[in-house]
Amino acid sequence: MAHIVGRPGHRAHGHRATDIFGERPSSTRHPLVAAAMVLPLAAFLAVAFGGWDAVVTQASSVAGMLGR
């Protein structure tokens, strides 16, 4: 195999992620915003791969353990 220590990467051209996307805020994202971003994708993946039945079954089991 070839030894490629001196090979420049894409960052060698002086571009940084902040140059392309702008400055990132230093504060963290609100938890409700993060949930709003993740839940639609999670629901889609659960339906697409057949995990929805498992989610419903486990939710009903937890509700049964809680006495509802």
PDB file of N, CA and C in Angstrom:
ATOM      1  N   MET A   1       0.837  -1.184   0.000  1.00  0.00           N
ATOM      2  CA  MET A   1       0.000   0.000   0.000  1.00  0.00           C
ATOM      3  C   MET A   1       0.879   1.243   0.000  1.00  0.00           C
ATOM      4  N   ALA A   2       0.419   2.266  -0.585  1.00  0.00           N
ATOM      5  CA  ALA A   2       1.172   3.504  -0.688  1.00  0.00           C
ATOM      6  C   ALA A   2       1.082   4.295   0.607  1.00  0.00           C
ATOM      7  N   HIS A   3       2.129   4.982   0.904  1.00  0.00           N
ATOM      8  CA  HIS A   3       2.173   5.825   2.095  1.00  0.00           C
ATOM      9  C   HIS A   3       1.839   7.255   1.665  1.00  0.00           C
ATOM     10  N   ILE A   4       0.720   7.826   2.153  1.00  0.00           N
ATOM     11  CA  ILE A   4       0.232   9.110   1.641  1.00  0.00           C
ATOM     12  C   ILE A   4       0.183  10.175   2.734  1.00  0.00           C
ATOM     13  N   VAL A   5       1.252  10.316   3.485  1.00  0.00           N
ATOM     14  CA  VAL A   5       1.271  11.278   4.580  1.00  0.00           C
ATOM     15  C   VAL A   5       1.187  12.704   4.063  1.00  0.00           C
ATOM     16  N   GLY A   6       1.878  13.028   2.990  1.00  0.00           N
ATOM     17  CA  GLY A   6       1.942  14.395   2.515  1.00  0.00           C
ATOM     18  C   GLY A   6       0.765  14.818   1.658  1.00  0.00           C
ATOM     19  N   ARG A   7      -0.207  13.981   1.477  1.00  0.00           N
ATOM     20  CA  ARG A   7      -1.350  14.294   0.617  1.00  0.00           C
ATOM     21  C   ARG A   7      -2.243  15.344   1.269  1.00  0.00           C
ATOM     22  N   PRO A   8      -2.491  16.456   0.598  1.00  0.00           N
ATOM     23  CA  PRO A   8      -3.318  17.507   1.205  1.00  0.00           C
ATOM     24  C   PRO A   8      -4.800  17.134   1.175  1.00  0.00           C
ATOM     25  N   GLY A   9      -5.509  17.507   2.222  1.00  0.00           N
ATOM     26  CA  GLY A   9      -6.938  17.277   2.283  1.00  0.00           C
ATOM     27  C   GLY A   9      -7.706  18.452   1.729  1.00  0.00           C
ATOM     28  N   HIS A  10      -9.016  18.423   1.826  1.00  0.00           N
ATOM     29  CA  HIS A  10      -9.826  19.514   1.298  1.00  0.00           C
ATOM     30  C   HIS A  10      -9.712  20.773   2.143  1.00  0.00           C
ATOM     31  N   ARG A  11      -9.227  20.676   3.352  1.00  0.00           N
ATOM     32  CA  ARG A  11      -9.074  21.851   4.208  1.00  0.00           C
ATOM     33  C   ARG A  11      -7.777  22.608   3.914  1.00  0.00           C
ATOM     34  N   ALA A  12      -6.920  22.025   3.115  1.00  0.00           N
ATOM     35  CA  ALA A  12      -5.648  22.672   2.828  1.00  0.00           C
ATOM     36  C   ALA A  12      -5.821  23.902   1.935  1.00  0.00           C
ATOM     37  N   HIS A  13      -6.968  24.076   1.348  1.00  0.00           N
ATOM     38  CA  HIS A  13      -7.200  25.201   0.460  1.00  0.00           C
ATOM     39  C   HIS A  13      -7.637  26.460   1.201  1.00  0.00           C
ATOM     40  N   GLY A  14      -7.722  26.406   2.505  1.00  0.00           N
ATOM     41  CA  GLY A  14      -8.055  27.580   3.280  1.00  0.00           C
ATOM     42  C   GLY A  14      -9.547  27.744   3.552  1.00  0.00           C
ATOM     43  N   HIS A  15     -10.358  26.797   3.140  1.00  0.00           N
ATOM     44  CA  HIS A  15     -11.794  26.883   3.398  1.00  0.00           C
ATOM     45  C   HIS A  15     -12.107  26.215   4.721  1.00  0.00           C
ATOM     46  N   ARG A  16     -12.948  26.858   5.466  1.00  0.00           N
ATOM     47  CA  ARG A  16     -13.423  26.271   6.709  1.00  0.00           C
ATOM     48  C   ARG A  16     -14.930  26.157   6.620  1.00  0.00           C
ATOM     49  N   ALA A  17     -15.508  25.327   7.472  1.00  0.00           N
ATOM     50  CA  ALA A  17     -16.966  25.156   7.463  1.00  0.00           C
ATOM     51  C   ALA A  17     -17.663  26.472   7.794  1.00  0.00           C
ATOM     52  N   THR A  18     -17.051  27.301   8.637  1.00  0.00           N
ATOM     53  CA  THR A  18     -17.690  28.571   8.984  1.00  0.00           C
ATOM     54  C   THR A  18     -17.649  29.539   7.816  1.00  0.00           C
ATOM     55  N   ASP A  19     -16.683  29.369   6.897  1.00  0.00           N
ATOM     56  CA  ASP A  19     -16.649  30.221   5.704  1.00  0.00           C
ATOM     57  C   ASP A  19     -17.843  29.915   4.799  1.00  0.00           C
ATOM     58  N   ILE A  20     -18.222  28.685   4.740  1.00  0.00           N
ATOM     59  CA  ILE A  20     -19.304  28.265   3.848  1.00  0.00           C
ATOM     60  C   ILE A  20     -20.675  28.494   4.491  1.00  0.00           C
ATOM     61  N   PHE A  21     -20.822  28.062   5.735  1.00  0.00           N
ATOM     62  CA  PHE A  21     -22.126  28.089   6.388  1.00  0.00           C
ATOM     63  C   PHE A  21     -22.347  29.288   7.290  1.00  0.00           C
ATOM     64  N   GLY A  22     -21.360  30.122   7.486  1.00  0.00           N
ATOM     65  CA  GLY A  22     -21.501  31.257   8.388  1.00  0.00           C
ATOM     66  C   GLY A  22     -21.168  30.843   9.809  1.00  0.00           C
ATOM     67  N   GLU A  23     -21.196  31.792  10.698  1.00  0.00           N
ATOM     68  CA  GLU A  23     -20.875  31.519  12.091  1.00  0.00           C
ATOM     69  C   GLU A  23     -21.992  30.740  12.757  1.00  0.00           C
ATOM     70  N   ARG A  24     -21.618  29.781  13.563  1.00  0.00           N
ATOM     71  CA  ARG A  24     -22.599  29.011  14.320  1.00  0.00           C
ATOM     72  C   ARG A  24     -22.815  29.683  15.668  1.00  0.00           C
ATOM     73  N   PRO A  25     -24.030  29.729  16.128  1.00  0.00           N
ATOM     74  CA  PRO A  25     -24.265  30.319  17.451  1.00  0.00           C
ATOM     75  C   PRO A  25     -23.642  29.444  18.535  1.00  0.00           C
ATOM     76  N   SER A  26     -23.199  30.076  19.591  1.00  0.00           N
ATOM     77  CA  SER A  26     -22.535  29.328  20.654  1.00  0.00           C
ATOM     78  C   SER A  26     -23.532  28.653  21.591  1.00  0.00           C
ATOM     79  N   SER A  27     -24.788  29.071  21.571  1.00  0.00           N
ATOM     80  CA  SER A  27     -25.781  28.474  22.459  1.00  0.00           C
ATOM     81  C   SER A  27     -26.263  27.146  21.893  1.00  0.00           C
ATOM     82  N   THR A  28     -26.850  26.348  22.759  1.00  0.00           N
ATOM     83  CA  THR A  28     -27.348  25.049  22.330  1.00  0.00           C
ATOM     84  C   THR A  28     -28.781  25.175  21.837  1.00  0.00           C
ATOM     85  N   ARG A  29     -29.224  24.187  21.111  1.00  0.00           N
ATOM     86  CA  ARG A  29     -30.574  24.170  20.552  1.00  0.00           C
ATOM     87  C   ARG A  29     -31.579  23.830  21.651  1.00  0.00           C
ATOM     88  N   HIS A  30     -32.739  24.451  21.605  1.00  0.00           N
ATOM     89  CA  HIS A  30     -33.793  24.174  22.578  1.00  0.00           C
ATOM     90  C   HIS A  30     -34.261  22.730  22.402  1.00  0.00           C
ATOM     91  N   PRO A  31     -34.546  22.025  23.488  1.00  0.00           N
ATOM     92  CA  PRO A  31     -34.954  20.620  23.377  1.00  0.00           C
ATOM     93  C   PRO A  31     -36.218  20.402  22.540  1.00  0.00           C
ATOM     94  N   LEU A  32     -37.160  21.341  22.575  1.00  0.00           N
ATOM     95  CA  LEU A  32     -38.371  21.168  21.769  1.00  0.00           C
ATOM     96  C   LEU A  32     -38.074  21.306  20.280  1.00  0.00           C
ATOM     97  N   VAL A  33     -37.124  22.167  19.936  1.00  0.00           N
ATOM     98  CA  VAL A  33     -36.724  22.304  18.535  1.00  0.00           C
ATOM     99  C   VAL A  33     -36.033  21.032  18.076  1.00  0.00           C
ATOM    100  N   ALA A  34     -35.182  20.479  18.920  1.00  0.00           N
ATOM    101  CA  ALA A  34     -34.502  19.231  18.575  1.00  0.00           C
ATOM    102  C   ALA A  34     -35.507  18.095  18.405  1.00  0.00           C
ATOM    103  N   ALA A  35     -36.501  18.036  19.283  1.00  0.00           N
ATOM    104  CA  ALA A  35     -37.527  16.990  19.169  1.00  0.00           C
ATOM    105  C   ALA A  35     -38.355  17.174  17.905  1.00  0.00           C
ATOM    106  N   ALA A  36     -38.680  18.418  17.569  1.00  0.00           N
ATOM    107  CA  ALA A  36     -39.451  18.682  16.353  1.00  0.00           C
ATOM    108  C   ALA A  36     -38.663  18.304  15.102  1.00  0.00           C
ATOM    109  N   MET A  37     -37.347  18.359  15.176  1.00  0.00           N
ATOM    110  CA  MET A  37     -36.528  17.966  14.042  1.00  0.00           C
ATOM    111  C   MET A  37     -36.414  16.450  13.928  1.00  0.00           C
ATOM    112  N   VAL A  38     -36.342  15.758  15.045  1.00  0.00           N
ATOM    113  CA  VAL A  38     -36.051  14.325  15.042  1.00  0.00           C
ATOM    114  C   VAL A  38     -37.306  13.463  14.925  1.00  0.00           C
ATOM    115  N   LEU A  39     -38.397  13.854  15.547  1.00  0.00           N
ATOM    116  CA  LEU A  39     -39.578  12.992  15.596  1.00  0.00           C
ATOM    117  C   LEU A  39     -40.169  12.649  14.228  1.00  0.00           C
ATOM    118  N   PRO A  40     -40.281  13.574  13.278  1.00  0.00           N
ATOM    119  CA  PRO A  40     -40.800  13.163  11.970  1.00  0.00           C
ATOM    120  C   PRO A  40     -39.926  12.106  11.281  1.00  0.00           C
ATOM    121  N   LEU A  41     -38.630  12.239  11.380  1.00  0.00           N
ATOM    122  CA  LEU A  41     -37.741  11.242  10.793  1.00  0.00           C
ATOM    123  C   LEU A  41     -37.868   9.907  11.518  1.00  0.00           C
ATOM    124  N   ALA A  42     -37.962   9.950  12.833  1.00  0.00           N
ATOM    125  CA  ALA A  42     -38.107   8.716  13.599  1.00  0.00           C
ATOM    126  C   ALA A  42     -39.416   8.008  13.252  1.00  0.00           C
ATOM    127  N   ALA A  43     -40.501   8.772  13.111  1.00  0.00           N
ATOM    128  CA  ALA A  43     -41.786   8.165  12.743  1.00  0.00           C
ATOM    129  C   ALA A  43     -41.716   7.564  11.340  1.00  0.00           C
ATOM    130  N   PHE A  44     -41.092   8.273  10.410  1.00  0.00           N
ATOM    131  CA  PHE A  44     -40.954   7.743   9.052  1.00  0.00           C
ATOM    132  C   PHE A  44     -40.155   6.445   9.047  1.00  0.00           C
ATOM    133  N   LEU A  45     -39.042   6.403   9.774  1.00  0.00           N
ATOM    134  CA  LEU A  45     -38.231   5.193   9.811  1.00  0.00           C
ATOM    135  C   LEU A  45     -38.961   4.042  10.487  1.00  0.00           C
ATOM    136  N   ALA A  46     -39.744   4.349  11.517  1.00  0.00           N
ATOM    137  CA  ALA A  46     -40.504   3.298  12.195  1.00  0.00           C
ATOM    138  C   ALA A  46     -41.546   2.699  11.263  1.00  0.00           C
ATOM    139  N   VAL A  47     -42.217   3.520  10.480  1.00  0.00           N
ATOM    140  CA  VAL A  47     -43.215   3.025   9.539  1.00  0.00           C
ATOM    141  C   VAL A  47     -42.533   2.306   8.373  1.00  0.00           C
ATOM    142  N   ALA A  48     -41.459   2.863   7.860  1.00  0.00           N
ATOM    143  CA  ALA A  48     -40.790   2.292   6.691  1.00  0.00           C
ATOM    144  C   ALA A  48     -40.183   0.928   6.980  1.00  0.00           C
ATOM    145  N   PHE A  49     -39.666   0.726   8.172  1.00  0.00           N
ATOM    146  CA  PHE A  49     -39.013  -0.536   8.488  1.00  0.00           C
ATOM    147  C   PHE A  49     -39.846  -1.428   9.394  1.00  0.00           C
ATOM    148  N   GLY A  50     -41.114  -1.125   9.567  1.00  0.00           N
ATOM    149  CA  GLY A  50     -42.006  -2.009  10.310  1.00  0.00           C
ATOM    150  C   GLY A  50     -41.824  -1.974  11.813  1.00  0.00           C
ATOM    151  N   GLY A  51     -41.249  -0.946  12.348  1.00  0.00           N
ATOM    152  CA  GLY A  51     -41.042  -0.868  13.781  1.00  0.00           C
ATOM    153  C   GLY A  51     -42.210  -0.263  14.536  1.00  0.00           C
ATOM    154  N   TRP A  52     -43.223   0.198  13.807  1.00  0.00           N
ATOM    155  CA  TRP A  52     -44.352   0.863  14.453  1.00  0.00           C
ATOM    156  C   TRP A  52     -45.089  -0.080  15.395  1.00  0.00           C
ATOM    157  N   ASP A  53     -45.277  -1.342  14.989  1.00  0.00           N
ATOM    158  CA  ASP A  53     -45.954  -2.313  15.852  1.00  0.00           C
ATOM    159  C   ASP A  53     -45.187  -2.546  17.150  1.00  0.00           C
ATOM    160  N   ALA A  54     -43.865  -2.575  17.056  1.00  0.00           N
ATOM    161  CA  ALA A  54     -43.049  -2.764  18.257  1.00  0.00           C
ATOM    162  C   ALA A  54     -43.181  -1.569  19.199  1.00  0.00           C
ATOM    163  N   VAL A  55     -43.238  -0.371  18.643  1.00  0.00           N
ATOM    164  CA  VAL A  55     -43.389   0.824  19.472  1.00  0.00           C
ATOM    165  C   VAL A  55     -44.732   0.808  20.185  1.00  0.00           C
ATOM    166  N   VAL A  56     -45.791   0.464  19.468  1.00  0.00           N
ATOM    167  CA  VAL A  56     -47.131   0.413  20.068  1.00  0.00           C
ATOM    168  C   VAL A  56     -47.192  -0.668  21.138  1.00  0.00           C
ATOM    169  N   THR A  57     -46.607  -1.827  20.878  1.00  0.00           N
ATOM    170  CA  THR A  57     -46.611  -2.922  21.844  1.00  0.00           C
ATOM    171  C   THR A  57     -45.863  -2.531  23.117  1.00  0.00           C
ATOM    172  N   GLN A  58     -44.712  -1.919  22.971  1.00  0.00           N
ATOM    173  CA  GLN A  58     -43.962  -1.535  24.165  1.00  0.00           C
ATOM    174  C   GLN A  58     -44.648  -0.404  24.922  1.00  0.00           C
ATOM    175  N   ALA A  59     -45.270   0.529  24.199  1.00  0.00           N
ATOM    176  CA  ALA A  59     -45.989   1.613  24.876  1.00  0.00           C
ATOM    177  C   ALA A  59     -47.166   1.062  25.669  1.00  0.00           C
ATOM    178  N   SER A  60     -47.872   0.091  25.107  1.00  0.00           N
ATOM    179  CA  SER A  60     -48.999  -0.483  25.846  1.00  0.00           C
ATOM    180  C   SER A  60     -48.503  -1.291  27.045  1.00  0.00           C
ATOM    181  N   SER A  61     -47.346  -1.922  26.923  1.00  0.00           N
ATOM    182  CA  SER A  61     -46.783  -2.655  28.061  1.00  0.00           C
ATOM    183  C   SER A  61     -46.392  -1.708  29.187  1.00  0.00           C
ATOM    184  N   VAL A  62     -45.784  -0.597  28.843  1.00  0.00           N
ATOM    185  CA  VAL A  62     -45.414   0.393  29.847  1.00  0.00           C
ATOM    186  C   VAL A  62     -46.663   0.977  30.503  1.00  0.00           C
ATOM    187  N   ALA A  63     -47.683   1.256  29.700  1.00  0.00           N
ATOM    188  CA  ALA A  63     -48.937   1.768  30.272  1.00  0.00           C
ATOM    189  C   ALA A  63     -49.571   0.749  31.197  1.00  0.00           C
ATOM    190  N   GLY A  64     -49.481  -0.535  30.852  1.00  0.00           N
ATOM    191  CA  GLY A  64     -50.000  -1.590  31.731  1.00  0.00           C
ATOM    192  C   GLY A  64     -49.238  -1.676  33.032  1.00  0.00           C
ATOM    193  N   MET A  65     -47.931  -1.507  32.975  1.00  0.00           N
ATOM    194  CA  MET A  65     -47.131  -1.535  34.195  1.00  0.00           C
ATOM    195  C   MET A  65     -47.423  -0.330  35.088  1.00  0.00           C
ATOM    196  N   LEU A  66     -47.777   0.784  34.473  1.00  0.00           N
ATOM    197  CA  LEU A  66     -48.090   1.975  35.246  1.00  0.00           C
ATOM    198  C   LEU A  66     -49.504   1.942  35.804  1.00  0.00           C
ATOM    199  N   GLY A  67     -50.304   0.949  35.371  1.00  0.00           N
ATOM    200  CA  GLY A  67     -51.639   0.777  35.904  1.00  0.00           C
ATOM    201  C   GLY A  67     -52.706   1.561  35.148  1.00  0.00           C
ATOM    202  N   ARG A  68     -52.496   1.831  33.883  1.00  0.00           N
ATOM    203  CA  ARG A  68     -53.494   2.575  33.108  1.00  0.00           C
ATOM    204  C   ARG A  68     -54.202   1.668  32.163  1.00  0.00           C
TER     205      ARG A  68
END
